[in-house]
Every structure is written in C-alpha cells, then in structure tokens.
Amino acid sequence: MARQNPRSTIVVWDVPLRLFHWLFAAAVALALLSSEEDSALSGWHTTVGWTIAVLLAFRVLWGFVGGEHARFASFVKLSAIGPHVREVLRGRPRPSLGHNALGGIAVLLLLVLAGMTVVTGVMTMGGGENELHEVVAYALLAMAAIHVVAVVIMSVLSHENLIRAMIIGRKSAVAHPGSRDGRRASVAAHVTAICVVAAAVVAARAYDARFPAARQGEHSSVSRGGSADRDD
C-alpha cells in the first residue's frame, strides 16, 4: 500500500507515460510537417505513421496495466463530466491529481483519432482513397490543438502548471492535501509493455518491409491511390 507523501510534491505521471506523451506529440507534429509532397520530411511520413501505431499499441496496454493515473479506469468517469464543466464555467475548477473529467475524454478522442489516422493511412497504402485519411488526420490535429489550449486554460484556472507536471511527473502537494504518490506499475507490466512494443514493430515491418527507413516519392504514389510503397 502506498504511503502518505511527506514531501512538497506528489508523484503522478510515471516515466513510460511521460515518454509516450512527448513522443506522441512529436510524432503527430512530424506527421503534419511531412504530409506535404514538397516537404523536406515527406519521405518520413509513412515511417512516422508506423511509429504512431507502435506508440498507440503501448498506450492502450498501459491504460490497463500502467501506473495508477495512467490507467483508463482512473480518468474515464462520465458521471464527473457535468460537475467538472460547471466548475470550469464558474472559473473555479477543483485541481485534479490525474486527468480531469474533460481531459480524460480528450485523451480517449486523441487515441481513437490517431488510431483511425493510422488505419486510413494503411488503407491508402493499399490503394484506398487518400481523402478519408486527410479528413481524419485534420480531425486529429484539431483535437490536439483543442487539447493544448485546454491545458493552458486549466493551468491558469487551477493555478497548476500542467505542462510542467507532465515533464517532471509531479504535482504540488499543497494543491492536493492528503494525497499520496500514485501507485507504480509492476515489473511484469513493464516487461509486457516492452514485448507489446516489440511485437508492434515486428507487425509493422511484416506489412511494410521498408519501415523504419525513409522513402522517396511516397506521396506521389499514395496520392494516386497506388501501392508502390508496399513491398511484396
């Protein structure tokens, strides 16, 4: 059982979750920057897509076996949305140790949209329509922008630097009196996560033998709905 924390900060976000968060943010940004055919990064677009797929495989698993506040059960609480929205509208939201109610929904939407972006991207590689992939990708980017704005607003309203918390993994004990350090993930959970990530990489390479290498001219072939990027 976790002990009470006598220190000035409380451990909230575990290291694997923080690594996922910032790698995922970087991957989504790179996906956007490499999406244009004339971009210097265009050859990396498919590789970035597969990387997002691998990251998603980890996050889904970590949502069940990860640290206390990384688990879906800790922040997916529909009954808390109404009270939280009313607090926000009054400008006095209560500080949340993990994700708040709306933040939890945003996390789920980001994961779902990222998954749909990967799936539609794979469909495009196989000859599917590129328009659907673009629509879903723009929806993901819009949701990411909303999430960033919401984090800034909540940081101001709650007087708590949420970006810093996701960097160092800790929040102020003063803002959360009586709280304890979040329970850590087990050794077995870490081993399982490594195996899942490795399996996801193997699966990506099985479908696309050129992953994780860059490639030239992939956007011209994809935009035509061709499958030139897939090795038989």
Protein backbone atom coordinates (compact mmCIF):
# COMPACT_ATOMS: atom_id res chain seq x y z
CA MET A 1 0.00 0.00 0.00
CA ALA A 2 1.37 3.41 -0.93
CA ARG A 3 2.44 5.60 2.00
CA GLN A 4 1.45 9.20 2.59
CA ASN A 5 3.82 11.62 0.88
CA PRO A 6 5.53 13.99 3.37
CA ARG A 7 7.30 15.90 0.61
CA SER A 8 6.29 19.06 -1.23
CA THR A 9 5.37 17.20 -4.43
CA ILE A 10 3.34 14.14 -5.32
CA VAL A 11 4.32 11.58 -7.96
CA VAL A 12 1.53 11.44 -10.56
CA TRP A 13 2.76 10.50 -14.04
CA ASP A 14 5.10 7.54 -14.43
CA VAL A 15 8.12 7.63 -16.76
CA PRO A 16 6.65 5.37 -19.52
CA LEU A 17 3.53 7.54 -19.75
CA ARG A 18 5.56 10.75 -19.96
CA LEU A 19 7.78 9.28 -22.65
CA PHE A 20 4.69 8.23 -24.60
CA HIS A 21 3.09 11.67 -24.21
CA TRP A 22 6.01 13.65 -25.62
CA LEU A 23 6.94 11.09 -28.29
CA PHE A 24 3.31 11.00 -29.41
CA ALA A 25 3.16 14.81 -29.56
CA ALA A 26 6.39 14.92 -31.56
CA ALA A 27 5.19 12.17 -33.92
CA VAL A 28 1.90 13.96 -34.62
CA ALA A 29 3.79 17.19 -35.32
CA LEU A 30 6.18 15.36 -37.66
CA ALA A 31 3.25 13.69 -39.40
CA LEU A 32 1.85 17.14 -40.14
CA LEU A 33 5.19 18.57 -41.27
CA SER A 34 5.85 15.59 -43.55
CA SER A 35 2.36 15.43 -45.04
CA GLU A 36 3.03 17.81 -47.92
CA GLU A 37 4.66 16.38 -51.03
CA ASP A 38 7.16 19.23 -51.30
CA SER A 39 8.21 18.96 -47.65
CA ALA A 40 11.83 18.07 -46.93
CA LEU A 41 10.44 15.49 -44.48
CA SER A 42 7.93 13.91 -46.87
CA GLY A 43 9.96 10.74 -47.18
CA TRP A 44 9.46 10.09 -43.47
CA HIS A 45 5.66 10.38 -43.44
CA THR A 46 4.92 6.66 -43.56
CA THR A 47 7.61 5.88 -41.00
CA VAL A 48 6.11 8.45 -38.65
CA GLY A 49 2.69 6.84 -39.18
CA TRP A 50 4.01 3.41 -38.20
CA THR A 51 5.72 4.97 -35.19
CA ILE A 52 2.39 6.39 -34.06
CA ALA A 53 0.88 2.92 -34.44
CA VAL A 54 3.58 1.43 -32.19
CA LEU A 55 3.05 4.19 -29.63
CA LEU A 56 -0.70 3.53 -29.64
CA ALA A 57 -0.15 -0.16 -29.01
CA PHE A 58 1.86 0.76 -25.93
CA ARG A 59 -0.68 3.34 -24.67
CA VAL A 60 -3.64 1.01 -24.95
CA LEU A 61 -1.82 -1.63 -22.92
CA TRP A 62 -0.56 0.96 -20.42
CA GLY A 63 -4.11 2.13 -19.92
CA PHE A 64 -4.80 -1.20 -18.23
CA VAL A 65 -1.52 -2.17 -16.56
CA GLY A 66 0.36 1.12 -16.13
CA GLY A 67 0.77 3.41 -13.16
CA GLU A 68 -2.30 4.45 -11.19
CA HIS A 69 -3.05 7.69 -13.05
CA ALA A 70 -2.15 6.26 -16.46
CA ARG A 71 -4.98 3.71 -16.30
CA PHE A 72 -8.22 4.41 -18.14
CA ALA A 73 -10.19 3.42 -15.05
CA SER A 74 -8.68 6.37 -13.16
CA PHE A 75 -9.92 9.09 -15.50
CA VAL A 76 -12.73 7.74 -17.70
CA LYS A 77 -15.62 8.77 -15.46
CA LEU A 78 -18.61 10.05 -17.40
CA SER A 79 -20.52 10.97 -14.23
CA ALA A 80 -17.82 13.52 -13.35
CA ILE A 81 -18.11 15.48 -16.60
CA GLY A 82 -21.16 17.53 -15.63
CA PRO A 83 -19.83 18.75 -12.26
CA HIS A 84 -16.43 19.47 -13.81
CA VAL A 85 -17.95 21.54 -16.63
CA ARG A 86 -19.95 23.59 -14.11
CA GLU A 87 -16.80 24.25 -12.10
CA VAL A 88 -14.95 25.37 -15.23
CA LEU A 89 -17.79 27.69 -16.27
CA ARG A 90 -17.66 29.28 -12.82
CA GLY A 91 -13.90 29.68 -13.24
CA ARG A 92 -13.14 27.59 -10.15
CA PRO A 93 -12.29 24.03 -11.20
CA ARG A 94 -11.00 21.82 -8.43
CA PRO A 95 -7.42 20.64 -9.01
CA SER A 96 -7.31 17.08 -10.28
CA LEU A 97 -4.40 14.84 -9.36
CA GLY A 98 -4.63 12.90 -12.62
CA HIS A 99 -6.60 13.80 -15.74
CA ASN A 100 -9.74 15.78 -15.03
CA ALA A 101 -13.07 14.62 -16.49
CA LEU A 102 -12.80 16.55 -19.76
CA GLY A 103 -9.10 15.81 -20.05
CA GLY A 104 -9.84 12.11 -19.83
CA ILE A 105 -12.32 12.35 -22.69
CA ALA A 106 -9.77 14.33 -24.70
CA VAL A 107 -7.21 11.57 -24.18
CA LEU A 108 -9.63 8.95 -25.48
CA LEU A 109 -10.56 11.05 -28.51
CA LEU A 110 -6.90 11.66 -29.35
CA LEU A 111 -6.13 7.93 -29.17
CA VAL A 112 -9.18 7.00 -31.25
CA LEU A 113 -8.48 9.63 -33.91
CA ALA A 114 -4.80 8.67 -34.04
CA GLY A 115 -5.80 5.04 -34.50
CA MET A 116 -8.21 5.96 -37.28
CA THR A 117 -5.49 8.04 -38.93
CA VAL A 118 -3.14 5.06 -38.92
CA VAL A 119 -5.81 2.70 -40.26
CA THR A 120 -6.83 5.04 -43.08
CA GLY A 121 -3.15 5.61 -43.88
CA VAL A 122 -2.62 1.86 -44.23
CA MET A 123 -5.71 1.69 -46.43
CA THR A 124 -4.23 4.42 -48.61
CA MET A 125 -1.01 2.44 -48.99
CA GLY A 126 -3.10 -0.46 -50.22
CA GLY A 127 -4.88 1.62 -52.85
CA GLY A 128 -7.61 3.27 -50.79
CA GLU A 129 -8.80 6.86 -51.06
CA ASN A 130 -6.46 9.50 -49.67
CA GLU A 131 -9.27 11.95 -48.87
CA LEU A 132 -10.57 9.96 -45.89
CA HIS A 133 -7.07 9.78 -44.44
CA GLU A 134 -6.71 13.55 -44.76
CA VAL A 135 -10.08 14.25 -43.12
CA VAL A 136 -9.31 12.04 -40.13
CA ALA A 137 -5.79 13.47 -39.85
CA TYR A 138 -7.13 17.03 -39.76
CA ALA A 139 -9.65 15.99 -37.11
CA LEU A 140 -6.75 14.62 -35.04
CA LEU A 141 -4.81 17.88 -35.43
CA ALA A 142 -7.88 19.91 -34.45
CA MET A 143 -8.37 17.78 -31.34
CA ALA A 144 -4.69 18.13 -30.46
CA ALA A 145 -4.97 21.93 -30.77
CA ILE A 146 -8.07 21.96 -28.54
CA HIS A 147 -6.23 19.81 -26.02
CA VAL A 148 -3.25 22.19 -25.88
CA VAL A 149 -5.50 25.23 -25.44
CA ALA A 150 -7.49 23.44 -22.73
CA VAL A 151 -4.31 22.53 -20.86
CA VAL A 152 -3.19 26.17 -20.86
CA ILE A 153 -6.62 27.38 -19.69
CA MET A 154 -6.81 24.78 -16.94
CA SER A 155 -3.28 25.64 -15.83
CA VAL A 156 -4.39 29.24 -15.36
CA LEU A 157 -7.71 28.45 -13.69
CA SER A 158 -6.32 25.81 -11.34
CA HIS A 159 -3.04 27.68 -10.65
CA GLU A 160 -1.17 24.50 -11.53
CA ASN A 161 1.40 24.14 -14.31
CA LEU A 162 0.06 21.04 -16.06
CA ILE A 163 2.72 21.08 -18.78
CA ARG A 164 5.49 21.07 -16.18
CA ALA A 165 3.71 18.24 -14.34
CA MET A 166 3.79 16.11 -17.48
CA ILE A 167 7.51 16.82 -17.84
CA ILE A 168 8.63 16.05 -14.28
CA GLY A 169 5.78 13.69 -13.38
CA ARG A 170 4.90 15.51 -10.16
CA LYS A 171 2.31 17.94 -8.83
CA SER A 172 2.33 20.20 -5.80
CA ALA A 173 1.30 18.57 -2.53
CA VAL A 174 -0.08 21.92 -1.38
CA ALA A 175 -2.72 21.84 -4.13
CA HIS A 176 -3.62 18.25 -3.28
CA PRO A 177 -3.57 17.93 0.52
CA GLY A 178 -3.80 14.40 1.86
CA SER A 179 -2.93 12.84 -1.48
CA ARG A 180 -0.26 10.18 -1.89
CA ASP A 181 2.15 9.15 -4.61
CA GLY A 182 0.42 7.28 -7.42
CA ARG A 183 0.86 3.52 -7.39
CA ARG A 184 3.59 2.39 -9.74
CA ALA A 185 3.25 -0.19 -12.46
CA SER A 186 4.60 -3.64 -11.67
CA VAL A 187 7.76 -5.13 -13.14
CA ALA A 188 5.53 -7.56 -15.06
CA ALA A 189 3.68 -4.59 -16.59
CA HIS A 190 6.96 -3.08 -17.82
CA VAL A 191 8.09 -6.39 -19.31
CA THR A 192 4.72 -6.85 -21.01
CA ALA A 193 4.88 -3.33 -22.43
CA ILE A 194 8.32 -3.99 -23.91
CA CYS A 195 7.01 -7.18 -25.51
CA VAL A 196 3.96 -5.39 -26.94
CA VAL A 197 6.09 -2.60 -28.41
CA ALA A 198 8.46 -5.17 -29.94
CA ALA A 199 5.53 -7.13 -31.37
CA ALA A 200 4.05 -3.93 -32.84
CA VAL A 201 7.36 -3.11 -34.54
CA VAL A 202 7.58 -6.64 -35.95
CA ALA A 203 3.99 -6.42 -37.22
CA ALA A 204 4.67 -3.05 -38.87
CA ARG A 205 7.76 -4.44 -40.60
CA ALA A 206 5.83 -7.52 -41.69
CA TYR A 207 3.36 -5.27 -43.51
CA ASP A 208 5.88 -2.68 -44.68
CA ALA A 209 9.41 -4.06 -45.03
CA ARG A 210 10.83 -0.57 -45.51
CA PHE A 211 9.83 0.57 -42.02
CA PRO A 212 11.59 2.39 -40.36
CA ALA A 213 13.56 3.71 -43.34
CA ALA A 214 12.61 6.86 -45.21
CA ARG A 215 11.49 6.65 -48.81
CA GLN A 216 11.41 8.98 -51.75
CA GLY A 217 8.34 9.95 -53.75
CA GLU A 218 5.88 8.19 -51.46
CA HIS A 219 3.34 10.99 -51.56
CA SER A 220 3.11 10.99 -55.34
CA SER A 221 2.31 7.29 -55.36
CA VAL A 222 -0.05 7.49 -52.40
CA SER A 223 -1.96 10.41 -53.86
CA ARG A 224 -2.65 8.31 -56.93
CA GLY A 225 -4.07 5.59 -54.71
CA GLY A 226 -1.26 3.22 -55.67
CA SER A 227 0.54 0.67 -53.55
CA ALA A 228 4.06 1.33 -54.71
CA ASP A 229 5.25 1.81 -51.12
CA ARG A 230 4.36 -1.69 -50.06
CA ASP A 231 6.93 -4.42 -50.69
CA ASP A 232 5.52 -7.73 -51.84
